[in-house]
């Protein structure tokens, strides 16, 4: 469930940036400088939201299982890796316990 929460938060950030774009257009009708500044801030927020979405996709790719998220499938952000290609570390057959001094 943690991946879905990450995706939802990323989409909320992108949605807030779109609200910022609309607000920047309204502000630019009154004051051009403030409208441009608000537009640039909205662009930065949009970039951070897209980056956050990408990071969550990569985190799910390395940690989690298959994704029911169709947006990832269409954008090719997340493609599941077969288990045979995952790098596993060799685990010792017997757990080693440290010797305690007597």
PDB file of N, CA and C in Angstrom:
ATOM      1  N   UNK A   1       0.814  -1.200   0.000  1.00  0.00           N
ATOM      2  CA  UNK A   1       0.000   0.000   0.000  1.00  0.00           C
ATOM      3  C   UNK A   1       0.853   1.258   0.000  1.00  0.00           C
ATOM      4  N   UNK A   2       2.121   1.157   0.390  1.00  0.00           N
ATOM      5  CA  UNK A   2       2.930   2.368   0.468  1.00  0.00           C
ATOM      6  C   UNK A   2       3.223   2.957  -0.911  1.00  0.00           C
ATOM      7  N   UNK A   3       3.223   2.110  -1.959  1.00  0.00           N
ATOM      8  CA  UNK A   3       3.475   2.645  -3.292  1.00  0.00           C
ATOM      9  C   UNK A   3       2.293   3.472  -3.779  1.00  0.00           C
ATOM     10  N   UNK A   4       1.098   2.986  -3.513  1.00  0.00           N
ATOM     11  CA  UNK A   4      -0.080   3.726  -3.938  1.00  0.00           C
ATOM     12  C   UNK A   4      -0.155   5.083  -3.246  1.00  0.00           C
ATOM     13  N   UNK A   5       0.243   5.120  -1.990  1.00  0.00           N
ATOM     14  CA  UNK A   5       0.260   6.394  -1.260  1.00  0.00           C
ATOM     15  C   UNK A   5       1.275   7.352  -1.894  1.00  0.00           C
ATOM     16  N   UNK A   6       2.423   6.824  -2.261  1.00  0.00           N
ATOM     17  CA  UNK A   6       3.434   7.658  -2.916  1.00  0.00           C
ATOM     18  C   UNK A   6       2.952   8.200  -4.246  1.00  0.00           C
ATOM     19  N   UNK A   7       2.283   7.340  -5.029  1.00  0.00           N
ATOM     20  CA  UNK A   7       1.744   7.801  -6.303  1.00  0.00           C
ATOM     21  C   UNK A   7       0.675   8.868  -6.097  1.00  0.00           C
ATOM     22  N   UNK A   8      -0.202   8.661  -5.109  1.00  0.00           N
ATOM     23  CA  UNK A   8      -1.248   9.644  -4.855  1.00  0.00           C
ATOM     24  C   UNK A   8      -0.670  10.983  -4.419  1.00  0.00           C
ATOM     25  N   UNK A   9       0.347  10.942  -3.566  1.00  0.00           N
ATOM     26  CA  UNK A   9       0.970  12.199  -3.136  1.00  0.00           C
ATOM     27  C   UNK A   9       1.648  12.908  -4.306  1.00  0.00           C
ATOM     28  N   UNK A  10       2.277  12.142  -5.189  1.00  0.00           N
ATOM     29  CA  UNK A  10       2.907  12.753  -6.365  1.00  0.00           C
ATOM     30  C   UNK A  10       1.865  13.400  -7.261  1.00  0.00           C
ATOM     31  N   UNK A  11       0.736  12.734  -7.445  1.00  0.00           N
ATOM     32  CA  UNK A  11      -0.310  13.311  -8.286  1.00  0.00           C
ATOM     33  C   UNK A  11      -0.967  14.518  -7.621  1.00  0.00           C
ATOM     34  N   UNK A  12      -1.018  14.545  -6.294  1.00  0.00           N
ATOM     35  CA  UNK A  12      -1.536  15.721  -5.588  1.00  0.00           C
ATOM     36  C   UNK A  12      -0.607  16.914  -5.831  1.00  0.00           C
ATOM     37  N   UNK A  13       0.703  16.685  -5.789  1.00  0.00           N
ATOM     38  CA  UNK A  13       1.661  17.771  -6.033  1.00  0.00           C
ATOM     39  C   UNK A  13       1.515  18.288  -7.462  1.00  0.00           C
ATOM     40  N   UNK A  14       1.355  17.382  -8.425  1.00  0.00           N
ATOM     41  CA  UNK A  14       1.157  17.805  -9.816  1.00  0.00           C
ATOM     42  C   UNK A  14      -0.155  18.586  -9.945  1.00  0.00           C
ATOM     43  N   UNK A  15      -1.199  18.130  -9.266  1.00  0.00           N
ATOM     44  CA  UNK A  15      -2.475  18.846  -9.302  1.00  0.00           C
ATOM     45  C   UNK A  15      -2.375  20.239  -8.707  1.00  0.00           C
ATOM     46  N   UNK A  16      -1.627  20.369  -7.619  1.00  0.00           N
ATOM     47  CA  UNK A  16      -1.428  21.700  -7.029  1.00  0.00           C
ATOM     48  C   UNK A  16      -0.663  22.620  -7.982  1.00  0.00           C
ATOM     49  N   UNK A  17       0.278  22.048  -8.733  1.00  0.00           N
ATOM     50  CA  UNK A  17       1.019  22.880  -9.685  1.00  0.00           C
ATOM     51  C   UNK A  17       0.096  23.365 -10.803  1.00  0.00           C
ATOM     52  N   UNK A  18      -0.875  22.525 -11.223  1.00  0.00           N
ATOM     53  CA  UNK A  18      -1.821  22.992 -12.231  1.00  0.00           C
ATOM     54  C   UNK A  18      -2.704  24.107 -11.681  1.00  0.00           C
ATOM     55  N   UNK A  19      -3.090  23.997 -10.428  1.00  0.00           N
ATOM     56  CA  UNK A  19      -3.821  25.109  -9.815  1.00  0.00           C
ATOM     57  C   UNK A  19      -2.955  26.364  -9.780  1.00  0.00           C
ATOM     58  N   UNK A  20      -1.658  26.170  -9.554  1.00  0.00           N
ATOM     59  CA  UNK A  20      -0.736  27.306  -9.585  1.00  0.00           C
ATOM     60  C   UNK A  20      -0.643  27.932 -10.966  1.00  0.00           C
ATOM     61  N   UNK A  21      -0.687  27.098 -12.032  1.00  0.00           N
ATOM     62  CA  UNK A  21      -0.680  27.647 -13.392  1.00  0.00           C
ATOM     63  C   UNK A  21      -1.895  28.527 -13.629  1.00  0.00           C
ATOM     64  N   UNK A  22      -3.060  28.028 -13.209  1.00  0.00           N
ATOM     65  CA  UNK A  22      -4.287  28.811 -13.397  1.00  0.00           C
ATOM     66  C   UNK A  22      -4.241  30.110 -12.598  1.00  0.00           C
ATOM     67  N   UNK A  23      -3.738  30.021 -11.381  1.00  0.00           N
ATOM     68  CA  UNK A  23      -3.632  31.214 -10.550  1.00  0.00           C
ATOM     69  C   UNK A  23      -2.623  32.201 -11.142  1.00  0.00           C
ATOM     70  N   UNK A  24      -1.541  31.671 -11.722  1.00  0.00           N
ATOM     71  CA  UNK A  24      -0.542  32.547 -12.355  1.00  0.00           C
ATOM     72  C   UNK A  24      -1.150  33.291 -13.536  1.00  0.00           C
ATOM     73  N   UNK A  25      -2.013  32.614 -14.295  1.00  0.00           N
ATOM     74  CA  UNK A  25      -2.674  33.303 -15.415  1.00  0.00           C
ATOM     75  C   UNK A  25      -3.598  34.406 -14.920  1.00  0.00           C
ATOM     76  N   UNK A  26      -4.267  34.155 -13.795  1.00  0.00           N
ATOM     77  CA  UNK A  26      -5.153  35.184 -13.237  1.00  0.00           C
ATOM     78  C   UNK A  26      -4.346  36.358 -12.684  1.00  0.00           C
ATOM     79  N   UNK A  27      -3.248  36.048 -12.015  1.00  0.00           N
ATOM     80  CA  UNK A  27      -2.422  37.112 -11.435  1.00  0.00           C
ATOM     81  C   UNK A  27      -1.762  37.940 -12.521  1.00  0.00           C
ATOM     82  N   UNK A  28      -1.380  37.282 -13.644  1.00  0.00           N
ATOM     83  CA  UNK A  28      -0.700  38.028 -14.708  1.00  0.00           C
ATOM     84  C   UNK A  28      -1.611  39.058 -15.368  1.00  0.00           C
ATOM     85  N   UNK A  29      -2.919  38.895 -15.235  1.00  0.00           N
ATOM     86  CA  UNK A  29      -3.851  39.906 -15.747  1.00  0.00           C
ATOM     87  C   UNK A  29      -3.735  41.208 -14.952  1.00  0.00           C
ATOM     88  N   UNK A  30      -3.383  41.092 -13.682  1.00  0.00           N
ATOM     89  CA  UNK A  30      -3.287  42.258 -12.816  1.00  0.00           C
ATOM     90  C   UNK A  30      -1.853  42.781 -12.763  1.00  0.00           C
ATOM     91  N   UNK A  31      -0.900  41.872 -12.530  1.00  0.00           N
ATOM     92  CA  UNK A  31       0.496  42.258 -12.371  1.00  0.00           C
ATOM     93  C   UNK A  31       1.372  41.241 -13.098  1.00  0.00           C
ATOM     94  N   UNK A  32       2.037  41.676 -14.173  1.00  0.00           N
ATOM     95  CA  UNK A  32       2.807  40.757 -15.019  1.00  0.00           C
ATOM     96  C   UNK A  32       3.980  40.131 -14.272  1.00  0.00           C
ATOM     97  N   UNK A  33       4.713  40.903 -13.500  1.00  0.00           N
ATOM     98  CA  UNK A  33       5.895  40.373 -12.807  1.00  0.00           C
ATOM     99  C   UNK A  33       5.509  39.281 -11.814  1.00  0.00           C
ATOM    100  N   UNK A  34       4.500  39.550 -11.020  1.00  0.00           N
ATOM    101  CA  UNK A  34       4.063  38.546 -10.050  1.00  0.00           C
ATOM    102  C   UNK A  34       3.510  37.308 -10.756  1.00  0.00           C
ATOM    103  N   UNK A  35       2.837  37.493 -11.870  1.00  0.00           N
ATOM    104  CA  UNK A  35       2.315  36.364 -12.632  1.00  0.00           C
ATOM    105  C   UNK A  35       3.431  35.485 -13.175  1.00  0.00           C
ATOM    106  N   UNK A  36       4.495  36.121 -13.675  1.00  0.00           N
ATOM    107  CA  UNK A  36       5.639  35.355 -14.195  1.00  0.00           C
ATOM    108  C   UNK A  36       6.333  34.603 -13.072  1.00  0.00           C
ATOM    109  N   UNK A  37       6.510  35.251 -11.934  1.00  0.00           N
ATOM    110  CA  UNK A  37       7.150  34.582 -10.790  1.00  0.00           C
ATOM    111  C   UNK A  37       6.311  33.400 -10.337  1.00  0.00           C
ATOM    112  N   UNK A  38       5.013  33.574 -10.260  1.00  0.00           N
ATOM    113  CA  UNK A  38       4.136  32.485  -9.830  1.00  0.00           C
ATOM    114  C   UNK A  38       4.134  31.353 -10.859  1.00  0.00           C
ATOM    115  N   UNK A  39       4.225  31.696 -12.146  1.00  0.00           N
ATOM    116  CA  UNK A  39       4.288  30.681 -13.192  1.00  0.00           C
ATOM    117  C   UNK A  39       5.569  29.859 -13.074  1.00  0.00           C
ATOM    118  N   UNK A  40       6.693  30.518 -12.799  1.00  0.00           N
ATOM    119  CA  UNK A  40       7.972  29.810 -12.637  1.00  0.00           C
ATOM    120  C   UNK A  40       7.930  28.904 -11.410  1.00  0.00           C
ATOM    121  N   UNK A  41       7.337  29.384 -10.321  1.00  0.00           N
ATOM    122  CA  UNK A  41       7.198  28.540  -9.130  1.00  0.00           C
ATOM    123  C   UNK A  41       6.300  27.332  -9.402  1.00  0.00           C
ATOM    124  N   UNK A  42       5.264  27.533 -10.202  1.00  0.00           N
ATOM    125  CA  UNK A  42       4.393  26.418 -10.557  1.00  0.00           C
ATOM    126  C   UNK A  42       5.124  25.409 -11.438  1.00  0.00           C
ATOM    127  N   UNK A  43       5.983  25.893 -12.339  1.00  0.00           N
ATOM    128  CA  UNK A  43       6.794  24.992 -13.150  1.00  0.00           C
ATOM    129  C   UNK A  43       7.729  24.155 -12.287  1.00  0.00           C
ATOM    130  N   UNK A  44       8.338  24.784 -11.297  1.00  0.00           N
ATOM    131  CA  UNK A  44       9.228  24.057 -10.383  1.00  0.00           C
ATOM    132  C   UNK A  44       8.443  23.007  -9.608  1.00  0.00           C
ATOM    133  N   UNK A  45       7.268  23.379  -9.123  1.00  0.00           N
ATOM    134  CA  UNK A  45       6.431  22.427  -8.389  1.00  0.00           C
ATOM    135  C   UNK A  45       5.989  21.275  -9.287  1.00  0.00           C
ATOM    136  N   UNK A  46       5.671  21.561 -10.540  1.00  0.00           N
ATOM    137  CA  UNK A  46       5.304  20.515 -11.487  1.00  0.00           C
ATOM    138  C   UNK A  46       6.482  19.560 -11.720  1.00  0.00           C
ATOM    139  N   UNK A  47       7.677  20.100 -11.884  1.00  0.00           N
ATOM    140  CA  UNK A  47       8.867  19.266 -12.063  1.00  0.00           C
ATOM    141  C   UNK A  47       9.138  18.379 -10.860  1.00  0.00           C
ATOM    142  N   UNK A  48       8.961  18.932  -9.675  1.00  0.00           N
ATOM    143  CA  UNK A  48       9.155  18.130  -8.460  1.00  0.00           C
ATOM    144  C   UNK A  48       8.115  17.014  -8.351  1.00  0.00           C
ATOM    145  N   UNK A  49       6.888  17.294  -8.746  1.00  0.00           N
ATOM    146  CA  UNK A  49       5.848  16.266  -8.718  1.00  0.00           C
ATOM    147  C   UNK A  49       6.128  15.137  -9.693  1.00  0.00           C
ATOM    148  N   UNK A  50       6.575  15.487 -10.900  1.00  0.00           N
ATOM    149  CA  UNK A  50       6.911  14.464 -11.890  1.00  0.00           C
ATOM    150  C   UNK A  50       8.118  13.647 -11.414  1.00  0.00           C
ATOM    151  N   UNK A  51       9.112  14.321 -10.852  1.00  0.00           N
ATOM    152  CA  UNK A  51      10.290  13.607 -10.335  1.00  0.00           C
ATOM    153  C   UNK A  51       9.898  12.679  -9.185  1.00  0.00           C
ATOM    154  N   UNK A  52       9.014  13.137  -8.316  1.00  0.00           N
ATOM    155  CA  UNK A  52       8.559  12.325  -7.191  1.00  0.00           C
ATOM    156  C   UNK A  52       7.824  11.088  -7.695  1.00  0.00           C
ATOM    157  N   UNK A  53       7.004  11.254  -8.723  1.00  0.00           N
ATOM    158  CA  UNK A  53       6.304  10.116  -9.306  1.00  0.00           C
ATOM    159  C   UNK A  53       7.299   9.114  -9.873  1.00  0.00           C
ATOM    160  N   UNK A  54       8.326   9.605 -10.553  1.00  0.00           N
ATOM    161  CA  UNK A  54       9.355   8.735 -11.129  1.00  0.00           C
ATOM    162  C   UNK A  54      10.125   7.998 -10.036  1.00  0.00           C
ATOM    163  N   UNK A  55      10.471   8.698  -8.956  1.00  0.00           N
ATOM    164  CA  UNK A  55      11.220   8.073  -7.859  1.00  0.00           C
ATOM    165  C   UNK A  55      10.400   6.969  -7.196  1.00  0.00           C
ATOM    166  N   UNK A  56       9.113   7.205  -6.996  1.00  0.00           N
ATOM    167  CA  UNK A  56       8.266   6.174  -6.402  1.00  0.00           C
ATOM    168  C   UNK A  56       8.204   4.959  -7.331  1.00  0.00           C
ATOM    169  N   UNK A  57       8.139   5.186  -8.643  1.00  0.00           N
ATOM    170  CA  UNK A  57       8.130   4.084  -9.598  1.00  0.00           C
ATOM    171  C   UNK A  57       9.410   3.268  -9.551  1.00  0.00           C
ATOM    172  N   UNK A  58      10.550   3.954  -9.428  1.00  0.00           N
ATOM    173  CA  UNK A  58      11.821   3.231  -9.337  1.00  0.00           C
ATOM    174  C   UNK A  58      11.937   2.482  -8.013  1.00  0.00           C
ATOM    175  N   UNK A  59      11.411   3.073  -6.955  1.00  0.00           N
ATOM    176  CA  UNK A  59      11.429   2.406  -5.647  1.00  0.00           C
ATOM    177  C   UNK A  59      10.586   1.136  -5.712  1.00  0.00           C
ATOM    178  N   UNK A  60       9.412   1.224  -6.359  1.00  0.00           N
ATOM    179  CA  UNK A  60       8.575   0.038  -6.481  1.00  0.00           C
ATOM    180  C   UNK A  60       9.260  -1.008  -7.360  1.00  0.00           C
ATOM    181  N   UNK A  61       9.988  -0.564  -8.352  1.00  0.00           N
ATOM    182  CA  UNK A  61      10.668  -1.494  -9.243  1.00  0.00           C
ATOM    183  C   UNK A  61      11.718  -2.310  -8.500  1.00  0.00           C
ATOM    184  N   UNK A  62      12.426  -1.680  -7.565  1.00  0.00           N
ATOM    185  CA  UNK A  62      13.483  -2.387  -6.851  1.00  0.00           C
ATOM    186  C   UNK A  62      12.975  -3.131  -5.624  1.00  0.00           C
ATOM    187  N   UNK A  63      11.947  -2.627  -4.970  1.00  0.00           N
ATOM    188  CA  UNK A  63      11.491  -3.202  -3.702  1.00  0.00           C
ATOM    189  C   UNK A  63      10.233  -4.042  -3.861  1.00  0.00           C
ATOM    190  N   UNK A  64       9.273  -3.522  -4.593  1.00  0.00           N
ATOM    191  CA  UNK A  64       7.952  -4.130  -4.592  1.00  0.00           C
ATOM    192  C   UNK A  64       7.720  -5.108  -5.711  1.00  0.00           C
ATOM    193  N   UNK A  65       6.487  -5.528  -5.806  1.00  0.00           N
ATOM    194  CA  UNK A  65       6.071  -6.485  -6.805  1.00  0.00           C
ATOM    195  C   UNK A  65       5.436  -5.806  -7.999  1.00  0.00           C
ATOM    196  N   UNK A  66       4.590  -6.532  -8.707  1.00  0.00           N
ATOM    197  CA  UNK A  66       3.946  -5.972  -9.895  1.00  0.00           C
ATOM    198  C   UNK A  66       3.000  -4.830  -9.547  1.00  0.00           C
ATOM    199  N   UNK A  67       2.829  -3.938 -10.499  1.00  0.00           N
ATOM    200  CA  UNK A  67       2.031  -2.746 -10.262  1.00  0.00           C
ATOM    201  C   UNK A  67       0.690  -2.830 -10.982  1.00  0.00           C
ATOM    202  N   UNK A  68      -0.411  -2.577 -10.260  1.00  0.00           N
ATOM    203  CA  UNK A  68      -1.703  -2.490 -10.936  1.00  0.00           C
ATOM    204  C   UNK A  68      -1.924  -1.105 -11.559  1.00  0.00           C
ATOM    205  N   UNK A  69      -0.947  -0.226 -11.419  1.00  0.00           N
ATOM    206  CA  UNK A  69      -1.056   1.145 -11.888  1.00  0.00           C
ATOM    207  C   UNK A  69      -0.858   1.188 -13.404  1.00  0.00           C
ATOM    208  N   UNK A  70      -1.907   1.466 -14.161  1.00  0.00           N
ATOM    209  CA  UNK A  70      -1.848   1.467 -15.622  1.00  0.00           C
ATOM    210  C   UNK A  70      -1.095   2.671 -16.164  1.00  0.00           C
ATOM    211  N   UNK A  71      -1.040   3.776 -15.415  1.00  0.00           N
ATOM    212  CA  UNK A  71      -0.314   4.950 -15.881  1.00  0.00           C
ATOM    213  C   UNK A  71       1.165   4.637 -16.020  1.00  0.00           C
ATOM    214  N   UNK A  72       1.704   3.849 -15.089  1.00  0.00           N
ATOM    215  CA  UNK A  72       3.100   3.448 -15.199  1.00  0.00           C
ATOM    216  C   UNK A  72       3.333   2.589 -16.429  1.00  0.00           C
ATOM    217  N   UNK A  73       2.378   1.720 -16.723  1.00  0.00           N
ATOM    218  CA  UNK A  73       2.519   0.846 -17.893  1.00  0.00           C
ATOM    219  C   UNK A  73       2.538   1.673 -19.177  1.00  0.00           C
ATOM    220  N   UNK A  74       1.675   2.676 -19.261  1.00  0.00           N
ATOM    221  CA  UNK A  74       1.605   3.486 -20.469  1.00  0.00           C
ATOM    222  C   UNK A  74       2.808   4.404 -20.617  1.00  0.00           C
ATOM    223  N   UNK A  75       3.340   4.913 -19.498  1.00  0.00           N
ATOM    224  CA  UNK A  75       4.492   5.811 -19.545  1.00  0.00           C
ATOM    225  C   UNK A  75       5.821   5.076 -19.527  1.00  0.00           C
ATOM    226  N   UNK A  76       5.799   3.771 -19.355  1.00  0.00           N
ATOM    227  CA  UNK A  76       7.006   2.927 -19.285  1.00  0.00           C
ATOM    228  C   UNK A  76       7.939   3.364 -18.166  1.00  0.00           C
ATOM    229  N   UNK A  77       7.377   3.849 -17.062  1.00  0.00           N
ATOM    230  CA  UNK A  77       8.205   4.211 -15.912  1.00  0.00           C
ATOM    231  C   UNK A  77       8.580   2.963 -15.143  1.00  0.00           C
ATOM    232  N   UNK A  78       7.628   2.071 -15.022  1.00  0.00           N
ATOM    233  CA  UNK A  78       7.846   0.869 -14.220  1.00  0.00           C
ATOM    234  C   UNK A  78       7.641  -0.348 -15.100  1.00  0.00           C
ATOM    235  N   UNK A  79       8.695  -1.117 -15.278  1.00  0.00           N
ATOM    236  CA  UNK A  79       8.585  -2.386 -15.970  1.00  0.00           C
ATOM    237  C   UNK A  79       9.134  -3.445 -15.026  1.00  0.00           C
ATOM    238  N   UNK A  80       8.338  -4.447 -14.694  1.00  0.00           N
ATOM    239  CA  UNK A  80       8.814  -5.452 -13.742  1.00  0.00           C
ATOM    240  C   UNK A  80      10.022  -6.207 -14.281  1.00  0.00           C
ATOM    241  N   UNK A  81      10.939  -6.501 -13.391  1.00  0.00           N
ATOM    242  CA  UNK A  81      12.149  -7.231 -13.732  1.00  0.00           C
ATOM    243  C   UNK A  81      11.938  -8.687 -13.324  1.00  0.00           C
ATOM    244  N   UNK A  82      12.236  -9.633 -14.229  1.00  0.00           N
ATOM    245  CA  UNK A  82      12.101 -11.039 -13.831  1.00  0.00           C
ATOM    246  C   UNK A  82      13.009 -11.373 -12.652  1.00  0.00           C
ATOM    247  N   UNK A  83      12.569 -12.323 -11.844  1.00  0.00           N
ATOM    248  CA  UNK A  83      13.311 -12.679 -10.635  1.00  0.00           C
ATOM    249  C   UNK A  83      14.701 -13.195 -10.985  1.00  0.00           C
ATOM    250  N   UNK A  84      14.851 -13.827 -12.145  1.00  0.00           N
ATOM    251  CA  UNK A  84      16.154 -14.371 -12.524  1.00  0.00           C
ATOM    252  C   UNK A  84      17.187 -13.270 -12.766  1.00  0.00           C
ATOM    253  N   UNK A  85      16.746 -12.032 -13.035  1.00  0.00           N
ATOM    254  CA  UNK A  85      17.679 -10.942 -13.306  1.00  0.00           C
ATOM    255  C   UNK A  85      17.974 -10.079 -12.090  1.00  0.00           C
ATOM    256  N   UNK A  86      17.330 -10.341 -10.968  1.00  0.00           N
ATOM    257  CA  UNK A  86      17.579  -9.551  -9.768  1.00  0.00           C
ATOM    258  C   UNK A  86      18.896  -9.972  -9.131  1.00  0.00           C
ATOM    259  N   UNK A  87      19.698  -9.006  -8.701  1.00  0.00           N
ATOM    260  CA  UNK A  87      20.969  -9.362  -8.057  1.00  0.00           C
ATOM    261  C   UNK A  87      20.743  -9.784  -6.608  1.00  0.00           C
ATOM    262  N   UNK A  88      20.963 -11.043  -6.335  1.00  0.00           N
ATOM    263  CA  UNK A  88      20.836 -11.559  -4.975  1.00  0.00           C
ATOM    264  C   UNK A  88      22.216 -11.773  -4.393  1.00  0.00           C
ATOM    265  N   UNK A  89      22.324 -11.551  -3.103  1.00  0.00           N
ATOM    266  CA  UNK A  89      23.577 -11.822  -2.406  1.00  0.00           C
ATOM    267  C   UNK A  89      23.545 -13.259  -1.908  1.00  0.00           C
ATOM    268  N   UNK A  90      24.712 -13.890  -1.908  1.00  0.00           N
ATOM    269  CA  UNK A  90      24.805 -15.250  -1.405  1.00  0.00           C
ATOM    270  C   UNK A  90      24.647 -15.234   0.106  1.00  0.00           C
ATOM    271  N   UNK A  91      23.748 -16.054   0.586  1.00  0.00           N
ATOM    272  CA  UNK A  91      23.522 -16.158   2.024  1.00  0.00           C
ATOM    273  C   UNK A  91      24.265 -17.384   2.536  1.00  0.00           C
ATOM    274  N   UNK A  92      24.940 -17.265   3.660  1.00  0.00           N
ATOM    275  CA  UNK A  92      25.609 -18.456   4.206  1.00  0.00           C
ATOM    276  C   UNK A  92      24.578 -19.507   4.607  1.00  0.00           C
ATOM    277  N   UNK A  93      24.946 -20.770   4.409  1.00  0.00           N
ATOM    278  CA  UNK A  93      24.001 -21.849   4.700  1.00  0.00           C
ATOM    279  C   UNK A  93      23.745 -21.982   6.202  1.00  0.00           C
ATOM    280  N   UNK A  94      24.789 -21.736   7.006  1.00  0.00           N
ATOM    281  CA  UNK A  94      24.626 -21.794   8.458  1.00  0.00           C
ATOM    282  C   UNK A  94      24.846 -20.403   9.030  1.00  0.00           C
ATOM    283  N   UNK A  95      23.933 -19.918   9.862  1.00  0.00           N
ATOM    284  CA  UNK A  95      24.154 -18.604  10.443  1.00  0.00           C
ATOM    285  C   UNK A  95      25.338 -18.642  11.386  1.00  0.00           C
ATOM    286  N   UNK A  96      26.223 -17.705  11.199  1.00  0.00           N
ATOM    287  CA  UNK A  96      27.400 -17.656  12.075  1.00  0.00           C
ATOM    288  C   UNK A  96      27.086 -16.843  13.326  1.00  0.00           C
ATOM    289  N   UNK A  97      27.373 -17.424  14.464  1.00  0.00           N
ATOM    290  CA  UNK A  97      27.172 -16.713  15.720  1.00  0.00           C
ATOM    291  C   UNK A  97      28.542 -16.359  16.276  1.00  0.00           C
ATOM    292  N   UNK A  98      28.705 -15.129  16.715  1.00  0.00           N
ATOM    293  CA  UNK A  98      30.013 -14.744  17.239  1.00  0.00           C
ATOM    294  C   UNK A  98      30.324 -15.484  18.555  1.00  0.00           C
ATOM    295  N   UNK A  99      31.564 -15.825  18.692  1.00  0.00           N
ATOM    296  CA  UNK A  99      32.026 -16.504  19.918  1.00  0.00           C
ATOM    297  C   UNK A  99      32.140 -15.475  21.040  1.00  0.00           C
ATOM    298  N   UNK A 100      31.589 -15.780  22.186  1.00  0.00           N
ATOM    299  CA  UNK A 100      31.679 -14.886  23.326  1.00  0.00           C
ATOM    300  C   UNK A 100      32.924 -15.228  24.126  1.00  0.00           C
ATOM    301  N   UNK A 101      33.681 -14.235  24.563  1.00  0.00           N
ATOM    302  CA  UNK A 101      34.847 -14.509  25.389  1.00  0.00           C
ATOM    303  C   UNK A 101      34.436 -15.058  26.759  1.00  0.00           C
ATOM    304  N   UNK A 102      35.234 -16.015  27.258  1.00  0.00           N
ATOM    305  CA  UNK A 102      34.910 -16.614  28.561  1.00  0.00           C
ATOM    306  C   UNK A 102      35.788 -16.066  29.640  1.00  0.00           C
TER     307      UNK A 102
END
